[in-house]
Amino acid sequence: FLNQAHRDDIAAALFLLGTTSPPELIYNVCDSEPIAQRAALEWLARTLGCAVPETIGQSPPRKRGASNKRVSNRRLRALGWSPAFPTFQSGMTAILPSILETYSHQRTS
């Protein structure tokens, strides 16, 4: 699973935590719906009109080990924070135009 967060949501969470006196706990800044990596790739491929990447088996071992965790932003939401981009899809939809514009400029340079 991937746990994503849009930069604007991260900034809003940090501002909230820096301007209030929340209990000293761990607060996860992430969207509200963790998404499987494959589902994210399939969504991106459909959205961009590309072929879905081929599955090639297991990934090589990672330095910090395997990770497949669903992270919760429940504590932050309890403080009044609400992500403007609660899903991977909403965050990517917001930034894809600028990414595509940057990429097209790089290809023509």
PDB file of N, CA and C in Angstrom:
ATOM      1  N   PHE A   1       0.833  -1.191   0.000  1.00  0.00           N
ATOM      2  CA  PHE A   1       0.000   0.000   0.000  1.00  0.00           C
ATOM      3  C   PHE A   1       0.870   1.243   0.000  1.00  0.00           C
ATOM      4  N   LEU A   2       0.368   2.271  -0.660  1.00  0.00           N
ATOM      5  CA  LEU A   2       1.021   3.574  -0.684  1.00  0.00           C
ATOM      6  C   LEU A   2       0.205   4.524   0.183  1.00  0.00           C
ATOM      7  N   ASN A   3       0.863   5.300   0.967  1.00  0.00           N
ATOM      8  CA  ASN A   3       0.220   6.324   1.778  1.00  0.00           C
ATOM      9  C   ASN A   3       0.755   7.654   1.279  1.00  0.00           C
ATOM     10  N   GLN A   4      -0.094   8.400   0.612  1.00  0.00           N
ATOM     11  CA  GLN A   4       0.313   9.626  -0.054  1.00  0.00           C
ATOM     12  C   GLN A   4      -0.215  10.846   0.688  1.00  0.00           C
ATOM     13  N   ALA A   5       0.349  11.997   0.385  1.00  0.00           N
ATOM     14  CA  ALA A   5      -0.173  13.264   0.898  1.00  0.00           C
ATOM     15  C   ALA A   5       0.207  14.356  -0.089  1.00  0.00           C
ATOM     16  N   HIS A   6      -0.716  15.238  -0.374  1.00  0.00           N
ATOM     17  CA  HIS A   6      -0.468  16.388  -1.236  1.00  0.00           C
ATOM     18  C   HIS A   6       0.302  17.423  -0.428  1.00  0.00           C
ATOM     19  N   ARG A   7       1.191  18.150  -1.065  1.00  0.00           N
ATOM     20  CA  ARG A   7       2.018  19.134  -0.351  1.00  0.00           C
ATOM     21  C   ARG A   7       1.175  20.159   0.390  1.00  0.00           C
ATOM     22  N   ASP A   8       0.033  20.573  -0.178  1.00  0.00           N
ATOM     23  CA  ASP A   8      -0.828  21.549   0.494  1.00  0.00           C
ATOM     24  C   ASP A   8      -1.419  20.972   1.777  1.00  0.00           C
ATOM     25  N   ASP A   9      -1.764  19.685   1.745  1.00  0.00           N
ATOM     26  CA  ASP A   9      -2.292  19.025   2.943  1.00  0.00           C
ATOM     27  C   ASP A   9      -1.212  18.884   4.005  1.00  0.00           C
ATOM     28  N   ILE A  10       0.010  18.612   3.583  1.00  0.00           N
ATOM     29  CA  ILE A  10       1.125  18.520   4.530  1.00  0.00           C
ATOM     30  C   ILE A  10       1.358  19.873   5.195  1.00  0.00           C
ATOM     31  N   ALA A  11       1.369  20.929   4.382  1.00  0.00           N
ATOM     32  CA  ALA A  11       1.580  22.272   4.929  1.00  0.00           C
ATOM     33  C   ALA A  11       0.470  22.639   5.912  1.00  0.00           C
ATOM     34  N   ALA A  12      -0.766  22.321   5.570  1.00  0.00           N
ATOM     35  CA  ALA A  12      -1.888  22.638   6.463  1.00  0.00           C
ATOM     36  C   ALA A  12      -1.776  21.864   7.773  1.00  0.00           C
ATOM     37  N   ALA A  13      -1.366  20.610   7.707  1.00  0.00           N
ATOM     38  CA  ALA A  13      -1.210  19.806   8.924  1.00  0.00           C
ATOM     39  C   ALA A  13      -0.094  20.366   9.799  1.00  0.00           C
ATOM     40  N   LEU A  14       1.028  20.723   9.189  1.00  0.00           N
ATOM     41  CA  LEU A  14       2.141  21.290   9.960  1.00  0.00           C
ATOM     42  C   LEU A  14       1.756  22.622  10.595  1.00  0.00           C
ATOM     43  N   PHE A  15       1.012  23.437   9.857  1.00  0.00           N
ATOM     44  CA  PHE A  15       0.547  24.708  10.406  1.00  0.00           C
ATOM     45  C   PHE A  15      -0.354  24.466  11.604  1.00  0.00           C
ATOM     46  N   LEU A  16      -1.293  23.538  11.474  1.00  0.00           N
ATOM     47  CA  LEU A  16      -2.194  23.217  12.588  1.00  0.00           C
ATOM     48  C   LEU A  16      -1.403  22.744  13.805  1.00  0.00           C
ATOM     49  N   LEU A  17      -0.482  21.824  13.597  1.00  0.00           N
ATOM     50  CA  LEU A  17       0.297  21.296  14.717  1.00  0.00           C
ATOM     51  C   LEU A  17       1.201  22.354  15.336  1.00  0.00           C
ATOM     52  N   GLY A  18       1.680  23.289  14.517  1.00  0.00           N
ATOM     53  CA  GLY A  18       2.571  24.331  15.015  1.00  0.00           C
ATOM     54  C   GLY A  18       1.862  25.488  15.699  1.00  0.00           C
ATOM     55  N   THR A  19       0.569  25.605  15.484  1.00  0.00           N
ATOM     56  CA  THR A  19      -0.174  26.737  16.056  1.00  0.00           C
ATOM     57  C   THR A  19      -1.177  26.322  17.115  1.00  0.00           C
ATOM     58  N   THR A  20      -1.188  25.056  17.460  1.00  0.00           N
ATOM     59  CA  THR A  20      -2.060  24.558  18.527  1.00  0.00           C
ATOM     60  C   THR A  20      -1.206  23.805  19.533  1.00  0.00           C
ATOM     61  N   SER A  21      -1.802  23.353  20.558  1.00  0.00           N
ATOM     62  CA  SER A  21      -1.084  22.554  21.560  1.00  0.00           C
ATOM     63  C   SER A  21      -1.699  21.162  21.632  1.00  0.00           C
ATOM     64  N   PRO A  22      -1.470  20.358  20.565  1.00  0.00           N
ATOM     65  CA  PRO A  22      -2.053  19.014  20.580  1.00  0.00           C
ATOM     66  C   PRO A  22      -1.331  18.118  21.579  1.00  0.00           C
ATOM     67  N   PRO A  23      -1.974  17.048  21.996  1.00  0.00           N
ATOM     68  CA  PRO A  23      -1.284  16.079  22.858  1.00  0.00           C
ATOM     69  C   PRO A  23      -0.023  15.572  22.161  1.00  0.00           C
ATOM     70  N   GLU A  24       0.981  15.255  22.934  1.00  0.00           N
ATOM     71  CA  GLU A  24       2.243  14.791  22.357  1.00  0.00           C
ATOM     72  C   GLU A  24       2.107  13.337  21.916  1.00  0.00           C
ATOM     73  N   LEU A  25       1.602  13.202  20.708  1.00  0.00           N
ATOM     74  CA  LEU A  25       1.412  11.904  20.076  1.00  0.00           C
ATOM     75  C   LEU A  25       2.050  11.941  18.699  1.00  0.00           C
ATOM     76  N   ILE A  26       2.027  10.826  18.031  1.00  0.00           N
ATOM     77  CA  ILE A  26       2.478  10.782  16.641  1.00  0.00           C
ATOM     78  C   ILE A  26       1.280  11.077  15.753  1.00  0.00           C
ATOM     79  N   TYR A  27       1.462  12.024  14.820  1.00  0.00           N
ATOM     80  CA  TYR A  27       0.402  12.397  13.885  1.00  0.00           C
ATOM     81  C   TYR A  27       0.873  12.049  12.475  1.00  0.00           C
ATOM     82  N   ASN A  28       0.120  11.207  11.807  1.00  0.00           N
ATOM     83  CA  ASN A  28       0.454  10.823  10.439  1.00  0.00           C
ATOM     84  C   ASN A  28      -0.213  11.770   9.456  1.00  0.00           C
ATOM     85  N   VAL A  29       0.579  12.361   8.582  1.00  0.00           N
ATOM     86  CA  VAL A  29       0.035  13.215   7.533  1.00  0.00           C
ATOM     87  C   VAL A  29      -0.031  12.360   6.270  1.00  0.00           C
ATOM     88  N   CYS A  30      -1.241  11.987   5.912  1.00  0.00           N
ATOM     89  CA  CYS A  30      -1.448  11.155   4.731  1.00  0.00           C
ATOM     90  C   CYS A  30      -2.872  11.356   4.237  1.00  0.00           C
ATOM     91  N   ASP A  31      -3.125  10.879   3.029  1.00  0.00           N
ATOM     92  CA  ASP A  31      -4.486  10.985   2.532  1.00  0.00           C
ATOM     93  C   ASP A  31      -5.388  10.029   3.312  1.00  0.00           C
ATOM     94  N   SER A  32      -6.657  10.030   2.993  1.00  0.00           N
ATOM     95  CA  SER A  32      -7.613   9.253   3.782  1.00  0.00           C
ATOM     96  C   SER A  32      -7.879   7.856   3.245  1.00  0.00           C
ATOM     97  N   GLU A  33      -7.317   7.521   2.083  1.00  0.00           N
ATOM     98  CA  GLU A  33      -7.549   6.208   1.496  1.00  0.00           C
ATOM     99  C   GLU A  33      -6.249   5.634   0.943  1.00  0.00           C
ATOM    100  N   PRO A  34      -5.515   4.852   1.742  1.00  0.00           N
ATOM    101  CA  PRO A  34      -4.322   4.206   1.191  1.00  0.00           C
ATOM    102  C   PRO A  34      -4.703   3.406  -0.056  1.00  0.00           C
ATOM    103  N   ILE A  35      -3.800   3.362  -1.012  1.00  0.00           N
ATOM    104  CA  ILE A  35      -4.081   2.687  -2.279  1.00  0.00           C
ATOM    105  C   ILE A  35      -2.964   1.686  -2.562  1.00  0.00           C
ATOM    106  N   ALA A  36      -3.338   0.545  -3.105  1.00  0.00           N
ATOM    107  CA  ALA A  36      -2.335  -0.443  -3.488  1.00  0.00           C
ATOM    108  C   ALA A  36      -1.497   0.124  -4.629  1.00  0.00           C
ATOM    109  N   GLN A  37      -0.204  -0.166  -4.621  1.00  0.00           N
ATOM    110  CA  GLN A  37       0.698   0.355  -5.642  1.00  0.00           C
ATOM    111  C   GLN A  37       0.197   0.003  -7.039  1.00  0.00           C
ATOM    112  N   ARG A  38      -0.246  -1.216  -7.221  1.00  0.00           N
ATOM    113  CA  ARG A  38      -0.730  -1.646  -8.547  1.00  0.00           C
ATOM    114  C   ARG A  38      -1.951  -0.830  -8.967  1.00  0.00           C
ATOM    115  N   ALA A  39      -2.873  -0.586  -8.044  1.00  0.00           N
ATOM    116  CA  ALA A  39      -4.066   0.213  -8.358  1.00  0.00           C
ATOM    117  C   ALA A  39      -3.674   1.635  -8.744  1.00  0.00           C
ATOM    118  N   ALA A  40      -2.671   2.186  -8.081  1.00  0.00           N
ATOM    119  CA  ALA A  40      -2.190   3.532  -8.421  1.00  0.00           C
ATOM    120  C   ALA A  40      -1.597   3.541  -9.830  1.00  0.00           C
ATOM    121  N   LEU A  41      -0.791   2.543 -10.160  1.00  0.00           N
ATOM    122  CA  LEU A  41      -0.200   2.457 -11.497  1.00  0.00           C
ATOM    123  C   LEU A  41      -1.269   2.294 -12.568  1.00  0.00           C
ATOM    124  N   GLU A  42      -2.272   1.462 -12.288  1.00  0.00           N
ATOM    125  CA  GLU A  42      -3.352   1.258 -13.254  1.00  0.00           C
ATOM    126  C   GLU A  42      -4.146   2.541 -13.458  1.00  0.00           C
ATOM    127  N   TRP A  43      -4.421   3.271 -12.385  1.00  0.00           N
ATOM    128  CA  TRP A  43      -5.152   4.530 -12.502  1.00  0.00           C
ATOM    129  C   TRP A  43      -4.346   5.533 -13.326  1.00  0.00           C
ATOM    130  N   LEU A  44      -3.053   5.659 -13.027  1.00  0.00           N
ATOM    131  CA  LEU A  44      -2.198   6.577 -13.787  1.00  0.00           C
ATOM    132  C   LEU A  44      -2.151   6.195 -15.264  1.00  0.00           C
ATOM    133  N   ALA A  45      -2.018   4.914 -15.551  1.00  0.00           N
ATOM    134  CA  ALA A  45      -1.962   4.465 -16.945  1.00  0.00           C
ATOM    135  C   ALA A  45      -3.264   4.825 -17.674  1.00  0.00           C
ATOM    136  N   ARG A  46      -4.400   4.544 -17.062  1.00  0.00           N
ATOM    137  CA  ARG A  46      -5.690   4.893 -17.679  1.00  0.00           C
ATOM    138  C   ARG A  46      -5.802   6.400 -17.888  1.00  0.00           C
ATOM    139  N   THR A  47      -5.445   7.172 -16.870  1.00  0.00           N
ATOM    140  CA  THR A  47      -5.569   8.623 -16.921  1.00  0.00           C
ATOM    141  C   THR A  47      -4.676   9.228 -17.996  1.00  0.00           C
ATOM    142  N   LEU A  48      -3.487   8.678 -18.148  1.00  0.00           N
ATOM    143  CA  LEU A  48      -2.533   9.208 -19.120  1.00  0.00           C
ATOM    144  C   LEU A  48      -2.618   8.531 -20.487  1.00  0.00           C
ATOM    145  N   GLY A  49      -3.490   7.522 -20.596  1.00  0.00           N
ATOM    146  CA  GLY A  49      -3.624   6.815 -21.864  1.00  0.00           C
ATOM    147  C   GLY A  49      -2.415   5.978 -22.205  1.00  0.00           C
ATOM    148  N   CYS A  50      -1.781   5.414 -21.187  1.00  0.00           N
ATOM    149  CA  CYS A  50      -0.578   4.590 -21.374  1.00  0.00           C
ATOM    150  C   CYS A  50      -0.900   3.130 -21.074  1.00  0.00           C
ATOM    151  N   ALA A  51       0.008   2.280 -21.492  1.00  0.00           N
ATOM    152  CA  ALA A  51      -0.112   0.860 -21.152  1.00  0.00           C
ATOM    153  C   ALA A  51       0.197   0.673 -19.671  1.00  0.00           C
ATOM    154  N   VAL A  52      -0.466  -0.278 -19.071  1.00  0.00           N
ATOM    155  CA  VAL A  52      -0.202  -0.613 -17.670  1.00  0.00           C
ATOM    156  C   VAL A  52       1.144  -1.331 -17.612  1.00  0.00           C
ATOM    157  N   PRO A  53       2.023  -0.918 -16.703  1.00  0.00           N
ATOM    158  CA  PRO A  53       3.325  -1.597 -16.600  1.00  0.00           C
ATOM    159  C   PRO A  53       3.160  -3.091 -16.324  1.00  0.00           C
ATOM    160  N   GLU A  54       4.046  -3.856 -16.898  1.00  0.00           N
ATOM    161  CA  GLU A  54       4.034  -5.301 -16.719  1.00  0.00           C
ATOM    162  C   GLU A  54       4.497  -5.659 -15.312  1.00  0.00           C
ATOM    163  N   THR A  55       3.882  -6.658 -14.723  1.00  0.00           N
ATOM    164  CA  THR A  55       4.322  -7.159 -13.427  1.00  0.00           C
ATOM    165  C   THR A  55       5.509  -8.082 -13.668  1.00  0.00           C
ATOM    166  N   ILE A  56       6.595  -7.866 -12.924  1.00  0.00           N
ATOM    167  CA  ILE A  56       7.812  -8.640 -13.182  1.00  0.00           C
ATOM    168  C   ILE A  56       8.244  -9.501 -11.994  1.00  0.00           C
ATOM    169  N   GLY A  57       7.360  -9.738 -11.072  1.00  0.00           N
ATOM    170  CA  GLY A  57       7.730 -10.575  -9.935  1.00  0.00           C
ATOM    171  C   GLY A  57       8.067  -9.752  -8.714  1.00  0.00           C
ATOM    172  N   GLN A  58       8.781 -10.345  -7.818  1.00  0.00           N
ATOM    173  CA  GLN A  58       9.093  -9.695  -6.553  1.00  0.00           C
ATOM    174  C   GLN A  58      10.161  -8.634  -6.708  1.00  0.00           C
ATOM    175  N   SER A  59      10.004  -7.567  -5.948  1.00  0.00           N
ATOM    176  CA  SER A  59      11.011  -6.508  -5.924  1.00  0.00           C
ATOM    177  C   SER A  59      12.224  -6.988  -5.137  1.00  0.00           C
ATOM    178  N   PRO A  60      13.379  -6.425  -5.437  1.00  0.00           N
ATOM    179  CA  PRO A  60      14.563  -6.788  -4.640  1.00  0.00           C
ATOM    180  C   PRO A  60      14.382  -6.348  -3.197  1.00  0.00           C
ATOM    181  N   PRO A  61      15.083  -6.971  -2.256  1.00  0.00           N
ATOM    182  CA  PRO A  61      14.955  -6.584  -0.849  1.00  0.00           C
ATOM    183  C   PRO A  61      15.302  -5.113  -0.645  1.00  0.00           C
ATOM    184  N   ARG A  62      14.546  -4.461   0.209  1.00  0.00           N
ATOM    185  CA  ARG A  62      14.794  -3.053   0.510  1.00  0.00           C
ATOM    186  C   ARG A  62      15.647  -2.930   1.759  1.00  0.00           C
ATOM    187  N   LYS A  63      16.351  -1.823   1.849  1.00  0.00           N
ATOM    188  CA  LYS A  63      17.228  -1.573   2.984  1.00  0.00           C
ATOM    189  C   LYS A  63      16.445  -1.617   4.300  1.00  0.00           C
ATOM    190  N   ARG A  64      15.228  -1.031   4.320  1.00  0.00           N
ATOM    191  CA  ARG A  64      14.419  -0.994   5.542  1.00  0.00           C
ATOM    192  C   ARG A  64      13.384  -2.113   5.597  1.00  0.00           C
ATOM    193  N   GLY A  65      13.465  -3.070   4.690  1.00  0.00           N
ATOM    194  CA  GLY A  65      12.531  -4.181   4.697  1.00  0.00           C
ATOM    195  C   GLY A  65      11.272  -3.865   3.907  1.00  0.00           C
ATOM    196  N   ALA A  66      10.426  -4.862   3.821  1.00  0.00           N
ATOM    197  CA  ALA A  66       9.177  -4.714   3.082  1.00  0.00           C
ATOM    198  C   ALA A  66       8.217  -3.808   3.848  1.00  0.00           C
ATOM    199  N   SER A  67       7.440  -3.076   3.108  1.00  0.00           N
ATOM    200  CA  SER A  67       6.458  -2.195   3.731  1.00  0.00           C
ATOM    201  C   SER A  67       5.145  -2.331   2.985  1.00  0.00           C
ATOM    202  N   ASN A  68       4.092  -2.554   3.703  1.00  0.00           N
ATOM    203  CA  ASN A  68       2.768  -2.699   3.113  1.00  0.00           C
ATOM    204  C   ASN A  68       1.764  -2.229   4.156  1.00  0.00           C
ATOM    205  N   LYS A  69       1.950  -1.001   4.613  1.00  0.00           N
ATOM    206  CA  LYS A  69       1.174  -0.515   5.748  1.00  0.00           C
ATOM    207  C   LYS A  69       0.119   0.486   5.315  1.00  0.00           C
ATOM    208  N   ARG A  70      -1.003   0.428   5.992  1.00  0.00           N
ATOM    209  CA  ARG A  70      -2.036   1.437   5.822  1.00  0.00           C
ATOM    210  C   ARG A  70      -1.904   2.393   7.002  1.00  0.00           C
ATOM    211  N   VAL A  71      -1.648   3.659   6.705  1.00  0.00           N
ATOM    212  CA  VAL A  71      -1.437   4.662   7.735  1.00  0.00           C
ATOM    213  C   VAL A  71      -2.724   5.466   7.902  1.00  0.00           C
ATOM    214  N   SER A  72      -3.039   5.840   9.128  1.00  0.00           N
ATOM    215  CA  SER A  72      -4.267   6.575   9.421  1.00  0.00           C
ATOM    216  C   SER A  72      -3.978   8.022   9.806  1.00  0.00           C
ATOM    217  N   ASN A  73      -4.813   8.927   9.306  1.00  0.00           N
ATOM    218  CA  ASN A  73      -4.717  10.336   9.684  1.00  0.00           C
ATOM    219  C   ASN A  73      -5.787  10.704  10.726  1.00  0.00           C
ATOM    220  N   ARG A  74      -6.346   9.708  11.367  1.00  0.00           N
ATOM    221  CA  ARG A  74      -7.439   9.877  12.328  1.00  0.00           C
ATOM    222  C   ARG A  74      -7.114  10.903  13.413  1.00  0.00           C
ATOM    223  N   ARG A  75      -5.925  10.868  13.977  1.00  0.00           N
ATOM    224  CA  ARG A  75      -5.576  11.819  15.054  1.00  0.00           C
ATOM    225  C   ARG A  75      -5.558  13.259  14.545  1.00  0.00           C
ATOM    226  N   LEU A  76      -5.047  13.468  13.360  1.00  0.00           N
ATOM    227  CA  LEU A  76      -5.041  14.815  12.793  1.00  0.00           C
ATOM    228  C   LEU A  76      -6.464  15.294  12.524  1.00  0.00           C
ATOM    229  N   ARG A  77      -7.291  14.417  11.974  1.00  0.00           N
ATOM    230  CA  ARG A  77      -8.684  14.797  11.707  1.00  0.00           C
ATOM    231  C   ARG A  77      -9.412  15.128  12.999  1.00  0.00           C
ATOM    232  N   ALA A  78      -9.074  14.446  14.079  1.00  0.00           N
ATOM    233  CA  ALA A  78      -9.695  14.732  15.379  1.00  0.00           C
ATOM    234  C   ALA A  78      -9.340  16.137  15.882  1.00  0.00           C
ATOM    235  N   LEU A  79      -8.218  16.682  15.385  1.00  0.00           N
ATOM    236  CA  LEU A  79      -7.820  18.047  15.759  1.00  0.00           C
ATOM    237  C   LEU A  79      -8.479  19.098  14.870  1.00  0.00           C
ATOM    238  N   GLY A  80      -9.210  18.651  13.853  1.00  0.00           N
ATOM    239  CA  GLY A  80      -9.884  19.576  12.950  1.00  0.00           C
ATOM    240  C   GLY A  80      -9.281  19.663  11.559  1.00  0.00           C
ATOM    241  N   TRP A  81      -8.191  18.946  11.306  1.00  0.00           N
ATOM    242  CA  TRP A  81      -7.568  18.947   9.986  1.00  0.00           C
ATOM    243  C   TRP A  81      -8.387  18.076   9.047  1.00  0.00           C
ATOM    244  N   SER A  82      -8.504  18.512   7.830  1.00  0.00           N
ATOM    245  CA  SER A  82      -9.199  17.732   6.815  1.00  0.00           C
ATOM    246  C   SER A  82      -8.422  17.882   5.512  1.00  0.00           C
ATOM    247  N   PRO A  83      -8.002  16.784   4.907  1.00  0.00           N
ATOM    248  CA  PRO A  83      -7.207  16.916   3.686  1.00  0.00           C
ATOM    249  C   PRO A  83      -8.045  17.472   2.532  1.00  0.00           C
ATOM    250  N   ALA A  84      -7.490  18.434   1.818  1.00  0.00           N
ATOM    251  CA  ALA A  84      -8.150  18.965   0.626  1.00  0.00           C
ATOM    252  C   ALA A  84      -8.135  17.925  -0.493  1.00  0.00           C
ATOM    253  N   PHE A  85      -7.151  17.030  -0.433  1.00  0.00           N
ATOM    254  CA  PHE A  85      -6.999  15.974  -1.424  1.00  0.00           C
ATOM    255  C   PHE A  85      -7.006  14.634  -0.682  1.00  0.00           C
ATOM    256  N   PRO A  86      -8.196  14.108  -0.392  1.00  0.00           N
ATOM    257  CA  PRO A  86      -8.294  12.929   0.477  1.00  0.00           C
ATOM    258  C   PRO A  86      -7.917  11.595  -0.162  1.00  0.00           C
ATOM    259  N   THR A  87      -7.669  11.594  -1.478  1.00  0.00           N
ATOM    260  CA  THR A  87      -7.306  10.345  -2.146  1.00  0.00           C
ATOM    261  C   THR A  87      -6.117  10.572  -3.073  1.00  0.00           C
ATOM    262  N   PHE A  88      -5.447   9.498  -3.423  1.00  0.00           N
ATOM    263  CA  PHE A  88      -4.359   9.538  -4.401  1.00  0.00           C
ATOM    264  C   PHE A  88      -4.848  10.171  -5.698  1.00  0.00           C
ATOM    265  N   GLN A  89      -6.037   9.738  -6.139  1.00  0.00           N
ATOM    266  CA  GLN A  89      -6.571  10.214  -7.406  1.00  0.00           C
ATOM    267  C   GLN A  89      -6.841  11.720  -7.381  1.00  0.00           C
ATOM    268  N   SER A  90      -7.396  12.239  -6.287  1.00  0.00           N
ATOM    269  CA  SER A  90      -7.688  13.672  -6.234  1.00  0.00           C
ATOM    270  C   SER A  90      -6.403  14.496  -6.202  1.00  0.00           C
ATOM    271  N   GLY A  91      -5.406  14.030  -5.484  1.00  0.00           N
ATOM    272  CA  GLY A  91      -4.127  14.736  -5.445  1.00  0.00           C
ATOM    273  C   GLY A  91      -3.414  14.707  -6.786  1.00  0.00           C
ATOM    274  N   MET A  92      -3.410  13.554  -7.439  1.00  0.00           N
ATOM    275  CA  MET A  92      -2.755  13.450  -8.743  1.00  0.00           C
ATOM    276  C   MET A  92      -3.498  14.253  -9.796  1.00  0.00           C
ATOM    277  N   THR A  93      -4.814  14.254  -9.760  1.00  0.00           N
ATOM    278  CA  THR A  93      -5.597  15.038 -10.714  1.00  0.00           C
ATOM    279  C   THR A  93      -5.247  16.518 -10.593  1.00  0.00           C
ATOM    280  N   ALA A  94      -4.985  16.967  -9.371  1.00  0.00           N
ATOM    281  CA  ALA A  94      -4.644  18.369  -9.147  1.00  0.00           C
ATOM    282  C   ALA A  94      -3.258  18.729  -9.690  1.00  0.00           C
ATOM    283  N   ILE A  95      -2.306  17.795  -9.640  1.00  0.00           N
ATOM    284  CA  ILE A  95      -0.939  18.149 -10.047  1.00  0.00           C
ATOM    285  C   ILE A  95      -0.540  17.648 -11.431  1.00  0.00           C
ATOM    286  N   LEU A  96      -1.289  16.731 -12.006  1.00  0.00           N
ATOM    287  CA  LEU A  96      -0.901  16.195 -13.316  1.00  0.00           C
ATOM    288  C   LEU A  96      -0.760  17.261 -14.399  1.00  0.00           C
ATOM    289  N   PRO A  97      -1.651  18.248 -14.500  1.00  0.00           N
ATOM    290  CA  PRO A  97      -1.453  19.253 -15.556  1.00  0.00           C
ATOM    291  C   PRO A  97      -0.090  19.944 -15.483  1.00  0.00           C
ATOM    292  N   SER A  98       0.359  20.304 -14.288  1.00  0.00           N
ATOM    293  CA  SER A  98       1.665  20.978 -14.188  1.00  0.00           C
ATOM    294  C   SER A  98       2.809  20.014 -14.475  1.00  0.00           C
ATOM    295  N   ILE A  99       2.672  18.765 -14.080  1.00  0.00           N
ATOM    296  CA  ILE A  99       3.706  17.773 -14.383  1.00  0.00           C
ATOM    297  C   ILE A  99       3.802  17.565 -15.888  1.00  0.00           C
ATOM    298  N   LEU A 100       2.656  17.412 -16.543  1.00  0.00           N
ATOM    299  CA  LEU A 100       2.643  17.193 -17.988  1.00  0.00           C
ATOM    300  C   LEU A 100       3.185  18.407 -18.740  1.00  0.00           C
ATOM    301  N   GLU A 101       2.866  19.602 -18.263  1.00  0.00           N
ATOM    302  CA  GLU A 101       3.381  20.812 -18.891  1.00  0.00           C
ATOM    303  C   GLU A 101       4.899  20.873 -18.761  1.00  0.00           C
ATOM    304  N   THR A 102       5.419  20.601 -17.560  1.00  0.00           N
ATOM    305  CA  THR A 102       6.867  20.595 -17.349  1.00  0.00           C
ATOM    306  C   THR A 102       7.537  19.561 -18.227  1.00  0.00           C
ATOM    307  N   TYR A 103       6.957  18.367 -18.304  1.00  0.00           N
ATOM    308  CA  TYR A 103       7.527  17.290 -19.107  1.00  0.00           C
ATOM    309  C   TYR A 103       7.539  17.670 -20.581  1.00  0.00           C
ATOM    310  N   SER A 104       6.451  18.281 -21.068  1.00  0.00           N
ATOM    311  CA  SER A 104       6.406  18.650 -22.490  1.00  0.00           C
ATOM    312  C   SER A 104       7.434  19.734 -22.802  1.00  0.00           C
ATOM    313  N   HIS A 105       7.673  20.669 -21.873  1.00  0.00           N
ATOM    314  CA  HIS A 105       8.702  21.688 -22.090  1.00  0.00           C
ATOM    315  C   HIS A 105      10.099  21.070 -22.105  1.00  0.00           C
ATOM    316  N   GLN A 106      10.335  20.085 -21.250  1.00  0.00           N
ATOM    317  CA  GLN A 106      11.644  19.432 -21.211  1.00  0.00           C
ATOM    318  C   GLN A 106      11.913  18.659 -22.510  1.00  0.00           C
ATOM    319  N   ARG A 107      10.884  18.062 -23.070  1.00  0.00           N
ATOM    320  CA  ARG A 107      11.055  17.274 -24.301  1.00  0.00           C
ATOM    321  C   ARG A 107      11.339  18.157 -25.496  1.00  0.00           C
ATOM    322  N   THR A 108      10.845  19.411 -25.481  1.00  0.00           N
ATOM    323  CA  THR A 108      11.057  20.295 -26.618  1.00  0.00           C
ATOM    324  C   THR A 108      12.334  21.108 -26.488  1.00  0.00           C
ATOM    325  N   SER A 109      12.996  21.028 -25.337  1.00  0.00           N
ATOM    326  CA  SER A 109      14.227  21.802 -25.130  1.00  0.00           C
ATOM    327  C   SER A 109      15.436  21.079 -25.653  1.00  0.00           C
TER     328      SER A 109
END
